[in-house]
Amino acid sequence: MVSLTPFTILFGVVLLVVALYAIVYALVLIFKHSPRRPFSSEFTFLTNSDDTKGSSEDQTINDLPFTREIGTADSTGIDLSVIVPCFNETKRLKLFLDDALPVLNSMADKTWELLLVDDGSTDGTAEYAITWAREQNLPPGTLRVCRLEKNRGKGGAVAHGMRHFRGYYAIFADADGASRFADVARLIAAIDDQPAHSPVVAIGSRAHMVKTDAVVNRSFIRNFLMYGLHTLVYIFGIRSIRDTQCGFKMFTRPAANLIFPYMHTEGWIFDVEILIIALRKQIPVLEVPISWHEVEGSKVELARDSIKMAIDLVVMRLAYIIGIYSDQKLKNE
């Protein structure tokens, strides 16, 4: 019979811990994410042609700027950039654009641009947007469409847009128009209360709506999965933010430059990584109540995507904890 000395027990415990760490490390390595490297064509954008100059083309192709090459306080002539990730959105995009345009035009003290990132659509989303811009008589370059050759996922589309905008403020907004676009003024006001030219994030929040019909009337399974995800997010370290998933988030240019070049995740859970990086870098995150309503035609498949989001969340958080992910190493540069 082998006697168990304190040293033997300690050695066994250490061996077990090392084995468990090795298993976790290996699993995270297997399931970790790396952003797809952009194709050269994805560094260009389409815009409507200048009909006043007698152009025979409906659209023109130009090079996108690189936001990191623009100085913190440099003026580009654009104050606000609106980034809209799109995947097969010809049926819903007009509602969003028609909601946003009057708001943008009413901001007399702000110049703006719309940057649509077409995430490999097959329904003519890019052409639809260009036609809309022409019908609205928008000057060329006001609405820009960047076409991704292959689908990257919502997170990848947002990150791409956030690396190629011109404004000082940049907001990404879902193409379905679920968030009331007029609330963009609330996010700008929240940011303007912070020191000028500093990294700041302002996020739209639906937390105040938790007992309203917009949430109560959802199906049981949808609410169950929503609360389950929120619980996981809370467990894995984001406790100061009540609504991490709202698709209405604004960044100052300094904040965007500190966050998006370091992103790993391109799927639905990318919102959480944005906030994790912001909190790790001590960037202020301001939660601002906004108006929101459910819109039909969601691209999320509840059961499948909820499970994938949960797995991605666990993998992402562990990857940062054990050093597989870094918020100091630029991705794809």
C-alpha atoms as a PDB file:
ATOM      1  CA  MET A   1       0.000   0.000   0.000  1.00  0.00           C
ATOM      2  CA  VAL A   2       1.390   3.389  -1.017  1.00  0.00           C
ATOM      3  CA  SER A   3       1.430   5.943   1.768  1.00  0.00           C
ATOM      4  CA  LEU A   4       0.276   9.438   0.850  1.00  0.00           C
ATOM      5  CA  THR A   5       2.710  11.972   2.226  1.00  0.00           C
ATOM      6  CA  PRO A   6       1.961  15.702   2.165  1.00  0.00           C
ATOM      7  CA  PHE A   7       4.524  16.042  -0.626  1.00  0.00           C
ATOM      8  CA  THR A   8       2.824  13.328  -2.703  1.00  0.00           C
ATOM      9  CA  ILE A   9      -0.568  14.974  -2.272  1.00  0.00           C
ATOM     10  CA  LEU A  10       0.830  18.404  -3.179  1.00  0.00           C
ATOM     11  CA  PHE A  11       2.591  16.960  -6.219  1.00  0.00           C
ATOM     12  CA  GLY A  12      -0.634  15.287  -7.337  1.00  0.00           C
ATOM     13  CA  VAL A  13      -2.627  18.497  -6.958  1.00  0.00           C
ATOM     14  CA  VAL A  14      -0.029  20.490  -8.910  1.00  0.00           C
ATOM     15  CA  LEU A  15       0.021  17.831 -11.632  1.00  0.00           C
ATOM     16  CA  LEU A  16      -3.783  17.927 -11.850  1.00  0.00           C
ATOM     17  CA  VAL A  17      -3.837  21.726 -12.083  1.00  0.00           C
ATOM     18  CA  VAL A  18      -1.174  21.696 -14.801  1.00  0.00           C
ATOM     19  CA  ALA A  19      -3.080  19.027 -16.734  1.00  0.00           C
ATOM     20  CA  LEU A  20      -6.352  20.965 -16.487  1.00  0.00           C
ATOM     21  CA  TYR A  21      -4.612  24.175 -17.573  1.00  0.00           C
ATOM     22  CA  ALA A  22      -3.061  22.381 -20.546  1.00  0.00           C
ATOM     23  CA  ILE A  23      -6.456  20.988 -21.563  1.00  0.00           C
ATOM     24  CA  VAL A  24      -8.146  24.392 -21.274  1.00  0.00           C
ATOM     25  CA  TYR A  25      -5.297  26.059 -23.173  1.00  0.00           C
ATOM     26  CA  ALA A  26      -5.508  23.489 -25.956  1.00  0.00           C
ATOM     27  CA  LEU A  27      -9.300  23.823 -26.234  1.00  0.00           C
ATOM     28  CA  VAL A  28      -9.107  27.620 -26.386  1.00  0.00           C
ATOM     29  CA  LEU A  29      -6.429  27.358 -29.083  1.00  0.00           C
ATOM     30  CA  ILE A  30      -8.704  25.079 -31.091  1.00  0.00           C
ATOM     31  CA  PHE A  31     -11.784  27.306 -30.817  1.00  0.00           C
ATOM     32  CA  LYS A  32     -10.130  30.750 -30.838  1.00  0.00           C
ATOM     33  CA  HIS A  33     -10.954  33.264 -33.564  1.00  0.00           C
ATOM     34  CA  SER A  34      -8.747  35.209 -35.932  1.00  0.00           C
ATOM     35  CA  PRO A  35     -10.183  37.955 -38.141  1.00  0.00           C
ATOM     36  CA  ARG A  36     -10.069  37.265 -41.862  1.00  0.00           C
ATOM     37  CA  ARG A  37      -7.425  39.251 -43.715  1.00  0.00           C
ATOM     38  CA  PRO A  38      -9.129  41.722 -46.082  1.00  0.00           C
ATOM     39  CA  PHE A  39      -8.869  41.355 -49.851  1.00  0.00           C
ATOM     40  CA  SER A  40      -7.358  44.291 -51.744  1.00  0.00           C
ATOM     41  CA  SER A  41     -10.751  45.168 -53.261  1.00  0.00           C
ATOM     42  CA  GLU A  42     -12.141  45.649 -49.745  1.00  0.00           C
ATOM     43  CA  PHE A  43      -9.998  48.760 -49.299  1.00  0.00           C
ATOM     44  CA  THR A  44     -12.176  50.562 -51.853  1.00  0.00           C
ATOM     45  CA  PHE A  45     -15.706  51.954 -51.782  1.00  0.00           C
ATOM     46  CA  LEU A  46     -18.499  52.603 -54.247  1.00  0.00           C
ATOM     47  CA  THR A  47     -20.416  55.855 -54.346  1.00  0.00           C
ATOM     48  CA  ASN A  48     -22.915  57.471 -56.676  1.00  0.00           C
ATOM     49  CA  SER A  49     -21.434  59.410 -59.577  1.00  0.00           C
ATOM     50  CA  ASP A  50     -21.576  63.185 -59.893  1.00  0.00           C
ATOM     51  CA  ASP A  51     -24.353  63.626 -62.451  1.00  0.00           C
ATOM     52  CA  THR A  52     -23.755  67.377 -62.513  1.00  0.00           C
ATOM     53  CA  LYS A  53     -20.472  66.739 -64.300  1.00  0.00           C
ATOM     54  CA  GLY A  54     -22.115  64.723 -67.015  1.00  0.00           C
ATOM     55  CA  SER A  55     -20.767  61.371 -65.835  1.00  0.00           C
ATOM     56  CA  SER A  56     -21.960  58.399 -67.847  1.00  0.00           C
ATOM     57  CA  GLU A  57     -21.359  56.020 -64.925  1.00  0.00           C
ATOM     58  CA  ASP A  58     -23.907  55.294 -62.204  1.00  0.00           C
ATOM     59  CA  GLN A  59     -21.210  54.772 -59.589  1.00  0.00           C
ATOM     60  CA  THR A  60     -17.504  55.330 -59.021  1.00  0.00           C
ATOM     61  CA  ILE A  61     -14.832  53.351 -57.149  1.00  0.00           C
ATOM     62  CA  ASN A  62     -12.429  55.087 -54.755  1.00  0.00           C
ATOM     63  CA  ASP A  63      -9.896  54.152 -52.070  1.00  0.00           C
ATOM     64  CA  LEU A  64     -10.987  54.007 -48.436  1.00  0.00           C
ATOM     65  CA  PRO A  65      -9.070  56.051 -45.857  1.00  0.00           C
ATOM     66  CA  PHE A  66      -7.321  54.350 -42.929  1.00  0.00           C
ATOM     67  CA  THR A  67      -8.665  55.794 -39.687  1.00  0.00           C
ATOM     68  CA  ARG A  68      -5.482  55.027 -37.731  1.00  0.00           C
ATOM     69  CA  GLU A  69      -3.555  57.347 -40.079  1.00  0.00           C
ATOM     70  CA  ILE A  70      -5.785  60.302 -39.130  1.00  0.00           C
ATOM     71  CA  GLY A  71      -4.528  62.272 -36.129  1.00  0.00           C
ATOM     72  CA  THR A  72      -6.548  62.388 -32.933  1.00  0.00           C
ATOM     73  CA  ALA A  73      -7.561  66.017 -33.386  1.00  0.00           C
ATOM     74  CA  ASP A  74      -7.148  66.278 -37.167  1.00  0.00           C
ATOM     75  CA  SER A  75     -10.109  67.566 -39.148  1.00  0.00           C
ATOM     76  CA  THR A  76     -11.251  65.550 -42.155  1.00  0.00           C
ATOM     77  CA  GLY A  77     -14.246  67.750 -42.888  1.00  0.00           C
ATOM     78  CA  ILE A  78     -16.502  65.044 -41.438  1.00  0.00           C
ATOM     79  CA  ASP A  79     -17.858  65.124 -37.886  1.00  0.00           C
ATOM     80  CA  LEU A  80     -20.035  61.995 -37.762  1.00  0.00           C
ATOM     81  CA  SER A  81     -19.594  58.654 -39.519  1.00  0.00           C
ATOM     82  CA  VAL A  82     -22.497  56.195 -39.536  1.00  0.00           C
ATOM     83  CA  ILE A  83     -21.343  52.620 -40.159  1.00  0.00           C
ATOM     84  CA  VAL A  84     -24.045  50.164 -41.208  1.00  0.00           C
ATOM     85  CA  PRO A  85     -23.229  46.440 -41.558  1.00  0.00           C
ATOM     86  CA  CYS A  86     -25.458  44.911 -44.245  1.00  0.00           C
ATOM     87  CA  PHE A  87     -26.138  41.370 -45.378  1.00  0.00           C
ATOM     88  CA  ASN A  88     -28.982  40.949 -47.877  1.00  0.00           C
ATOM     89  CA  GLU A  89     -30.821  44.029 -46.615  1.00  0.00           C
ATOM     90  CA  THR A  90     -32.715  45.276 -49.692  1.00  0.00           C
ATOM     91  CA  LYS A  91     -36.044  44.681 -47.916  1.00  0.00           C
ATOM     92  CA  ARG A  92     -35.183  46.587 -44.730  1.00  0.00           C
ATOM     93  CA  LEU A  93     -32.428  49.059 -45.590  1.00  0.00           C
ATOM     94  CA  LYS A  94     -34.711  51.780 -46.974  1.00  0.00           C
ATOM     95  CA  LEU A  95     -36.553  52.050 -43.656  1.00  0.00           C
ATOM     96  CA  PHE A  96     -33.275  52.687 -41.866  1.00  0.00           C
ATOM     97  CA  LEU A  97     -31.956  55.155 -44.441  1.00  0.00           C
ATOM     98  CA  ASP A  98     -35.241  57.062 -44.595  1.00  0.00           C
ATOM     99  CA  ASP A  99     -35.212  57.299 -40.792  1.00  0.00           C
ATOM    100  CA  ALA A 100     -31.574  58.407 -40.600  1.00  0.00           C
ATOM    101  CA  LEU A 101     -31.422  60.971 -43.413  1.00  0.00           C
ATOM    102  CA  PRO A 102     -33.775  63.623 -41.908  1.00  0.00           C
ATOM    103  CA  VAL A 103     -31.949  63.343 -38.586  1.00  0.00           C
ATOM    104  CA  LEU A 104     -28.556  63.783 -40.225  1.00  0.00           C
ATOM    105  CA  ASN A 105     -29.783  66.691 -42.343  1.00  0.00           C
ATOM    106  CA  SER A 106     -31.192  68.391 -39.248  1.00  0.00           C
ATOM    107  CA  MET A 107     -27.766  68.434 -37.562  1.00  0.00           C
ATOM    108  CA  ALA A 108     -26.781  71.833 -38.930  1.00  0.00           C
ATOM    109  CA  ASP A 109     -23.545  71.938 -36.934  1.00  0.00           C
ATOM    110  CA  LYS A 110     -22.377  68.456 -38.024  1.00  0.00           C
ATOM    111  CA  THR A 111     -21.050  67.139 -41.316  1.00  0.00           C
ATOM    112  CA  TRP A 112     -21.576  63.433 -41.845  1.00  0.00           C
ATOM    113  CA  GLU A 113     -21.058  60.341 -43.971  1.00  0.00           C
ATOM    114  CA  LEU A 114     -22.839  57.001 -44.313  1.00  0.00           C
ATOM    115  CA  LEU A 115     -20.513  54.006 -44.675  1.00  0.00           C
ATOM    116  CA  LEU A 116     -22.351  50.795 -45.549  1.00  0.00           C
ATOM    117  CA  VAL A 117     -20.330  47.588 -45.293  1.00  0.00           C
ATOM    118  CA  ASP A 118     -21.922  45.033 -47.621  1.00  0.00           C
ATOM    119  CA  ASP A 119     -20.990  41.718 -46.011  1.00  0.00           C
ATOM    120  CA  GLY A 120     -21.071  39.514 -49.110  1.00  0.00           C
ATOM    121  CA  SER A 121     -24.725  40.163 -49.972  1.00  0.00           C
ATOM    122  CA  THR A 122     -26.270  38.303 -52.909  1.00  0.00           C
ATOM    123  CA  ASP A 123     -29.442  40.397 -53.273  1.00  0.00           C
ATOM    124  CA  GLY A 124     -27.956  43.594 -54.702  1.00  0.00           C
ATOM    125  CA  THR A 125     -27.729  45.497 -51.414  1.00  0.00           C
ATOM    126  CA  ALA A 126     -24.811  47.644 -52.623  1.00  0.00           C
ATOM    127  CA  GLU A 127     -26.549  48.666 -55.846  1.00  0.00           C
ATOM    128  CA  TYR A 128     -29.760  49.353 -53.924  1.00  0.00           C
ATOM    129  CA  ALA A 129     -27.936  51.738 -51.583  1.00  0.00           C
ATOM    130  CA  ILE A 130     -26.222  53.574 -54.454  1.00  0.00           C
ATOM    131  CA  THR A 131     -29.569  53.997 -56.230  1.00  0.00           C
ATOM    132  CA  TRP A 132     -31.099  55.378 -53.028  1.00  0.00           C
ATOM    133  CA  ALA A 133     -28.245  57.882 -52.671  1.00  0.00           C
ATOM    134  CA  ARG A 134     -28.785  59.054 -56.243  1.00  0.00           C
ATOM    135  CA  GLU A 135     -32.531  59.425 -55.689  1.00  0.00           C
ATOM    136  CA  GLN A 136     -31.835  61.557 -52.602  1.00  0.00           C
ATOM    137  CA  ASN A 137     -29.382  63.719 -54.586  1.00  0.00           C
ATOM    138  CA  LEU A 138     -26.606  63.034 -52.095  1.00  0.00           C
ATOM    139  CA  PRO A 139     -23.226  64.457 -53.143  1.00  0.00           C
ATOM    140  CA  PRO A 140     -20.767  61.730 -54.243  1.00  0.00           C
ATOM    141  CA  GLY A 141     -18.891  60.296 -51.278  1.00  0.00           C
ATOM    142  CA  THR A 142     -21.624  61.106 -48.764  1.00  0.00           C
ATOM    143  CA  LEU A 143     -22.867  57.522 -48.915  1.00  0.00           C
ATOM    144  CA  ARG A 144     -20.075  55.006 -49.368  1.00  0.00           C
ATOM    145  CA  VAL A 145     -20.477  51.273 -49.865  1.00  0.00           C
ATOM    146  CA  CYS A 146     -17.609  48.918 -49.100  1.00  0.00           C
ATOM    147  CA  ARG A 147     -18.222  45.456 -50.542  1.00  0.00           C
ATOM    148  CA  LEU A 148     -16.665  42.470 -48.772  1.00  0.00           C
ATOM    149  CA  GLU A 149     -15.849  39.663 -51.201  1.00  0.00           C
ATOM    150  CA  LYS A 150     -16.685  36.976 -48.633  1.00  0.00           C
ATOM    151  CA  ASN A 151     -19.029  37.149 -45.661  1.00  0.00           C
ATOM    152  CA  ARG A 152     -17.210  37.926 -42.409  1.00  0.00           C
ATOM    153  CA  GLY A 153     -20.122  38.129 -40.001  1.00  0.00           C
ATOM    154  CA  LYS A 154     -21.587  41.213 -38.379  1.00  0.00           C
ATOM    155  CA  GLY A 155     -18.579  41.756 -36.131  1.00  0.00           C
ATOM    156  CA  GLY A 156     -16.167  41.564 -39.040  1.00  0.00           C
ATOM    157  CA  ALA A 157     -18.238  43.996 -41.095  1.00  0.00           C
ATOM    158  CA  VAL A 158     -18.444  46.490 -38.216  1.00  0.00           C
ATOM    159  CA  ALA A 159     -14.718  46.228 -37.474  1.00  0.00           C
ATOM    160  CA  HIS A 160     -13.888  46.812 -41.148  1.00  0.00           C
ATOM    161  CA  GLY A 161     -16.029  49.943 -41.249  1.00  0.00           C
ATOM    162  CA  MET A 162     -14.541  51.162 -37.983  1.00  0.00           C
ATOM    163  CA  ARG A 163     -11.058  51.039 -39.488  1.00  0.00           C
ATOM    164  CA  HIS A 164     -11.997  53.117 -42.533  1.00  0.00           C
ATOM    165  CA  PHE A 165     -14.188  56.032 -41.433  1.00  0.00           C
ATOM    166  CA  ARG A 166     -13.398  59.758 -41.537  1.00  0.00           C
ATOM    167  CA  GLY A 167     -15.426  61.345 -38.734  1.00  0.00           C
ATOM    168  CA  TYR A 168     -14.582  62.266 -35.161  1.00  0.00           C
ATOM    169  CA  TYR A 169     -17.640  60.406 -33.888  1.00  0.00           C
ATOM    170  CA  ALA A 170     -18.398  56.990 -35.383  1.00  0.00           C
ATOM    171  CA  ILE A 171     -21.542  55.011 -34.661  1.00  0.00           C
ATOM    172  CA  PHE A 172     -22.491  51.596 -35.917  1.00  0.00           C
ATOM    173  CA  ALA A 173     -26.208  50.973 -36.300  1.00  0.00           C
ATOM    174  CA  ASP A 174     -28.146  47.897 -37.379  1.00  0.00           C
ATOM    175  CA  ALA A 175     -29.650  48.124 -40.866  1.00  0.00           C
ATOM    176  CA  ASP A 176     -33.049  46.962 -39.616  1.00  0.00           C
ATOM    177  CA  GLY A 177     -33.716  50.311 -37.928  1.00  0.00           C
ATOM    178  CA  ALA A 178     -34.701  48.721 -34.607  1.00  0.00           C
ATOM    179  CA  SER A 179     -33.008  51.570 -32.735  1.00  0.00           C
ATOM    180  CA  ARG A 180     -34.524  55.028 -33.219  1.00  0.00           C
ATOM    181  CA  PHE A 181     -31.839  56.907 -35.119  1.00  0.00           C
ATOM    182  CA  ALA A 182     -32.755  60.281 -33.595  1.00  0.00           C
ATOM    183  CA  ASP A 183     -31.215  59.006 -30.355  1.00  0.00           C
ATOM    184  CA  VAL A 184     -27.796  59.513 -31.947  1.00  0.00           C
ATOM    185  CA  ALA A 185     -27.981  63.009 -30.439  1.00  0.00           C
ATOM    186  CA  ARG A 186     -28.115  61.487 -26.946  1.00  0.00           C
ATOM    187  CA  LEU A 187     -24.919  59.549 -27.538  1.00  0.00           C
ATOM    188  CA  ILE A 188     -23.114  62.601 -28.927  1.00  0.00           C
ATOM    189  CA  ALA A 189     -24.237  64.656 -25.909  1.00  0.00           C
ATOM    190  CA  ALA A 190     -22.936  61.990 -23.513  1.00  0.00           C
ATOM    191  CA  ILE A 191     -19.548  61.952 -25.255  1.00  0.00           C
ATOM    192  CA  ASP A 192     -19.347  65.750 -25.329  1.00  0.00           C
ATOM    193  CA  ASP A 193     -19.560  65.780 -21.525  1.00  0.00           C
ATOM    194  CA  GLN A 194     -16.161  64.029 -21.464  1.00  0.00           C
ATOM    195  CA  PRO A 195     -12.764  65.706 -22.056  1.00  0.00           C
ATOM    196  CA  ALA A 196     -12.241  66.730 -25.693  1.00  0.00           C
ATOM    197  CA  HIS A 197     -10.273  64.419 -28.010  1.00  0.00           C
ATOM    198  CA  SER A 198     -10.240  61.603 -25.447  1.00  0.00           C
ATOM    199  CA  PRO A 199     -11.192  57.962 -26.052  1.00  0.00           C
ATOM    200  CA  VAL A 200     -14.860  57.512 -25.109  1.00  0.00           C
ATOM    201  CA  VAL A 201     -17.533  54.922 -25.927  1.00  0.00           C
ATOM    202  CA  ALA A 202     -21.278  55.651 -25.670  1.00  0.00           C
ATOM    203  CA  ILE A 203     -23.630  52.707 -26.109  1.00  0.00           C
ATOM    204  CA  GLY A 204     -27.359  52.621 -26.634  1.00  0.00           C
ATOM    205  CA  SER A 205     -29.113  50.697 -23.888  1.00  0.00           C
ATOM    206  CA  ARG A 206     -32.473  48.931 -23.777  1.00  0.00           C
ATOM    207  CA  ALA A 207     -32.135  47.969 -20.119  1.00  0.00           C
ATOM    208  CA  HIS A 208     -34.832  50.467 -19.116  1.00  0.00           C
ATOM    209  CA  MET A 209     -37.276  48.611 -21.413  1.00  0.00           C
ATOM    210  CA  VAL A 210     -37.026  45.244 -19.684  1.00  0.00           C
ATOM    211  CA  LYS A 211     -40.617  45.425 -18.382  1.00  0.00           C
ATOM    212  CA  THR A 212     -42.142  47.035 -21.465  1.00  0.00           C
ATOM    213  CA  ASP A 213     -44.185  45.270 -24.143  1.00  0.00           C
ATOM    214  CA  ALA A 214     -41.174  45.259 -26.488  1.00  0.00           C
ATOM    215  CA  VAL A 215     -39.551  42.674 -24.209  1.00  0.00           C
ATOM    216  CA  VAL A 216     -42.454  41.154 -22.287  1.00  0.00           C
ATOM    217  CA  ASN A 217     -44.260  40.144 -25.489  1.00  0.00           C
ATOM    218  CA  ARG A 218     -41.258  38.258 -26.836  1.00  0.00           C
ATOM    219  CA  SER A 219     -41.482  34.475 -26.886  1.00  0.00           C
ATOM    220  CA  PHE A 220     -40.492  32.556 -23.751  1.00  0.00           C
ATOM    221  CA  ILE A 221     -37.560  30.875 -25.492  1.00  0.00           C
ATOM    222  CA  ARG A 222     -36.214  34.218 -26.790  1.00  0.00           C
ATOM    223  CA  ASN A 223     -36.335  35.808 -23.347  1.00  0.00           C
ATOM    224  CA  PHE A 224     -34.863  32.673 -21.748  1.00  0.00           C
ATOM    225  CA  LEU A 225     -31.895  32.695 -24.129  1.00  0.00           C
ATOM    226  CA  MET A 226     -31.465  36.465 -23.710  1.00  0.00           C
ATOM    227  CA  TYR A 227     -31.303  36.235 -19.918  1.00  0.00           C
ATOM    228  CA  GLY A 228     -29.010  33.222 -20.166  1.00  0.00           C
ATOM    229  CA  LEU A 229     -26.543  35.165 -22.302  1.00  0.00           C
ATOM    230  CA  HIS A 230     -26.711  38.184 -19.976  1.00  0.00           C
ATOM    231  CA  THR A 231     -25.943  35.888 -17.031  1.00  0.00           C
ATOM    232  CA  LEU A 232     -22.903  34.450 -18.812  1.00  0.00           C
ATOM    233  CA  VAL A 233     -21.676  37.939 -19.695  1.00  0.00           C
ATOM    234  CA  TYR A 234     -22.041  38.940 -16.041  1.00  0.00           C
ATOM    235  CA  ILE A 235     -20.184  35.843 -14.832  1.00  0.00           C
ATOM    236  CA  PHE A 236     -17.343  36.406 -17.277  1.00  0.00           C
ATOM    237  CA  GLY A 237     -16.528  39.895 -16.171  1.00  0.00           C
ATOM    238  CA  ILE A 238     -18.800  42.644 -17.566  1.00  0.00           C
ATOM    239  CA  ARG A 239     -20.848  43.681 -14.541  1.00  0.00           C
ATOM    240  CA  SER A 240     -21.049  47.441 -14.982  1.00  0.00           C
ATOM    241  CA  ILE A 241     -22.983  47.371 -18.293  1.00  0.00           C
ATOM    242  CA  ARG A 242     -26.595  46.199 -18.374  1.00  0.00           C
ATOM    243  CA  ASP A 243     -27.081  45.918 -22.148  1.00  0.00           C
ATOM    244  CA  THR A 244     -24.032  44.689 -24.048  1.00  0.00           C
ATOM    245  CA  GLN A 245     -25.798  43.600 -27.249  1.00  0.00           C
ATOM    246  CA  CYS A 246     -27.624  46.692 -28.496  1.00  0.00           C
ATOM    247  CA  GLY A 247     -26.584  47.438 -32.085  1.00  0.00           C
ATOM    248  CA  PHE A 248     -26.221  51.179 -31.534  1.00  0.00           C
ATOM    249  CA  LYS A 249     -22.735  52.055 -30.265  1.00  0.00           C
ATOM    250  CA  MET A 250     -20.712  55.242 -30.739  1.00  0.00           C
ATOM    251  CA  PHE A 251     -16.971  55.832 -30.452  1.00  0.00           C
ATOM    252  CA  THR A 252     -14.696  58.813 -30.633  1.00  0.00           C
ATOM    253  CA  ARG A 253     -11.935  58.358 -33.190  1.00  0.00           C
ATOM    254  CA  PRO A 254      -9.324  57.823 -30.429  1.00  0.00           C
ATOM    255  CA  ALA A 255     -11.518  55.091 -28.879  1.00  0.00           C
ATOM    256  CA  ALA A 256     -12.107  53.344 -32.211  1.00  0.00           C
ATOM    257  CA  ASN A 257      -8.357  53.325 -32.895  1.00  0.00           C
ATOM    258  CA  LEU A 258      -7.711  51.712 -29.509  1.00  0.00           C
ATOM    259  CA  ILE A 259     -10.362  49.007 -29.955  1.00  0.00           C
ATOM    260  CA  PHE A 260     -11.096  47.810 -33.487  1.00  0.00           C
ATOM    261  CA  PRO A 261      -7.573  47.097 -34.777  1.00  0.00           C
ATOM    262  CA  TYR A 262      -7.262  44.621 -31.882  1.00  0.00           C
ATOM    263  CA  MET A 263     -10.509  42.693 -32.382  1.00  0.00           C
ATOM    264  CA  HIS A 264     -10.497  38.912 -32.795  1.00  0.00           C
ATOM    265  CA  THR A 265     -14.171  37.919 -32.879  1.00  0.00           C
ATOM    266  CA  GLU A 266     -16.266  38.479 -36.009  1.00  0.00           C
ATOM    267  CA  GLY A 267     -19.498  36.750 -34.995  1.00  0.00           C
ATOM    268  CA  TRP A 268     -22.472  37.920 -32.932  1.00  0.00           C
ATOM    269  CA  ILE A 269     -20.519  38.076 -29.662  1.00  0.00           C
ATOM    270  CA  PHE A 270     -18.235  40.831 -31.000  1.00  0.00           C
ATOM    271  CA  ASP A 271     -20.127  43.462 -28.943  1.00  0.00           C
ATOM    272  CA  VAL A 272     -18.797  41.882 -25.765  1.00  0.00           C
ATOM    273  CA  GLU A 273     -15.209  41.910 -27.029  1.00  0.00           C
ATOM    274  CA  ILE A 274     -15.545  45.618 -27.846  1.00  0.00           C
ATOM    275  CA  LEU A 275     -16.525  46.285 -24.241  1.00  0.00           C
ATOM    276  CA  ILE A 276     -13.876  43.946 -22.805  1.00  0.00           C
ATOM    277  CA  ILE A 277     -11.133  45.776 -24.712  1.00  0.00           C
ATOM    278  CA  ALA A 278     -12.558  49.162 -23.699  1.00  0.00           C
ATOM    279  CA  LEU A 279     -12.664  48.179 -20.025  1.00  0.00           C
ATOM    280  CA  ARG A 280      -9.177  46.626 -20.148  1.00  0.00           C
ATOM    281  CA  LYS A 281      -7.841  49.883 -21.606  1.00  0.00           C
ATOM    282  CA  GLN A 282      -9.828  51.970 -19.101  1.00  0.00           C
ATOM    283  CA  ILE A 283     -11.822  53.715 -21.815  1.00  0.00           C
ATOM    284  CA  PRO A 284     -15.009  55.260 -20.369  1.00  0.00           C
ATOM    285  CA  VAL A 285     -18.135  53.360 -21.482  1.00  0.00           C
ATOM    286  CA  LEU A 286     -21.317  55.419 -21.115  1.00  0.00           C
ATOM    287  CA  GLU A 287     -24.654  53.579 -21.199  1.00  0.00           C
ATOM    288  CA  VAL A 288     -27.383  55.797 -22.689  1.00  0.00           C
ATOM    289  CA  PRO A 289     -31.109  54.840 -22.740  1.00  0.00           C
ATOM    290  CA  ILE A 290     -32.562  54.776 -26.264  1.00  0.00           C
ATOM    291  CA  SER A 291     -35.841  53.873 -27.951  1.00  0.00           C
ATOM    292  CA  TRP A 292     -35.984  50.458 -29.585  1.00  0.00           C
ATOM    293  CA  HIS A 293     -38.541  48.123 -31.150  1.00  0.00           C
ATOM    294  CA  GLU A 294     -38.534  44.562 -32.458  1.00  0.00           C
ATOM    295  CA  VAL A 295     -38.181  44.240 -36.242  1.00  0.00           C
ATOM    296  CA  GLU A 296     -39.107  41.191 -38.283  1.00  0.00           C
ATOM    297  CA  GLY A 297     -36.543  39.438 -40.441  1.00  0.00           C
ATOM    298  CA  SER A 298     -33.816  38.882 -37.835  1.00  0.00           C
ATOM    299  CA  LYS A 299     -30.692  37.129 -39.143  1.00  0.00           C
ATOM    300  CA  VAL A 300     -30.211  35.401 -35.780  1.00  0.00           C
ATOM    301  CA  GLU A 301     -31.221  31.730 -35.555  1.00  0.00           C
ATOM    302  CA  LEU A 302     -32.101  31.569 -31.885  1.00  0.00           C
ATOM    303  CA  ALA A 303     -31.061  28.078 -30.794  1.00  0.00           C
ATOM    304  CA  ARG A 304     -27.983  27.656 -32.989  1.00  0.00           C
ATOM    305  CA  ASP A 305     -26.624  31.184 -32.638  1.00  0.00           C
ATOM    306  CA  SER A 306     -27.290  31.361 -28.891  1.00  0.00           C
ATOM    307  CA  ILE A 307     -25.238  28.217 -28.312  1.00  0.00           C
ATOM    308  CA  LYS A 308     -22.465  29.532 -30.564  1.00  0.00           C
ATOM    309  CA  MET A 309     -22.493  32.900 -28.786  1.00  0.00           C
ATOM    310  CA  ALA A 310     -22.178  31.179 -25.409  1.00  0.00           C
ATOM    311  CA  ILE A 311     -19.219  29.093 -26.611  1.00  0.00           C
ATOM    312  CA  ASP A 312     -17.564  32.109 -28.243  1.00  0.00           C
ATOM    313  CA  LEU A 313     -18.025  34.146 -25.066  1.00  0.00           C
ATOM    314  CA  VAL A 314     -16.339  31.521 -22.875  1.00  0.00           C
ATOM    315  CA  VAL A 315     -13.502  31.010 -25.370  1.00  0.00           C
ATOM    316  CA  MET A 316     -12.943  34.756 -25.779  1.00  0.00           C
ATOM    317  CA  ARG A 317     -12.854  35.474 -22.055  1.00  0.00           C
ATOM    318  CA  LEU A 318     -10.496  32.580 -21.342  1.00  0.00           C
ATOM    319  CA  ALA A 319      -8.294  33.593 -24.284  1.00  0.00           C
ATOM    320  CA  TYR A 320      -7.760  37.023 -22.731  1.00  0.00           C
ATOM    321  CA  ILE A 321      -7.216  35.588 -19.254  1.00  0.00           C
ATOM    322  CA  ILE A 322      -4.528  33.078 -20.305  1.00  0.00           C
ATOM    323  CA  GLY A 323      -2.866  35.356 -22.852  1.00  0.00           C
ATOM    324  CA  ILE A 324      -3.874  33.790 -26.174  1.00  0.00           C
ATOM    325  CA  TYR A 325      -5.639  37.035 -27.114  1.00  0.00           C
ATOM    326  CA  SER A 326      -3.923  40.392 -26.693  1.00  0.00           C
ATOM    327  CA  ASP A 327      -5.357  43.893 -26.795  1.00  0.00           C
ATOM    328  CA  GLN A 328      -1.909  45.291 -27.597  1.00  0.00           C
ATOM    329  CA  LYS A 329      -1.137  43.422 -30.829  1.00  0.00           C
ATOM    330  CA  LEU A 330      -2.615  44.833 -34.033  1.00  0.00           C
ATOM    331  CA  LYS A 331      -4.579  42.380 -36.171  1.00  0.00           C
ATOM    332  CA  ASN A 332      -4.058  42.199 -39.955  1.00  0.00           C
ATOM    333  CA  GLU A 333      -1.456  44.968 -40.087  1.00  0.00           C
END
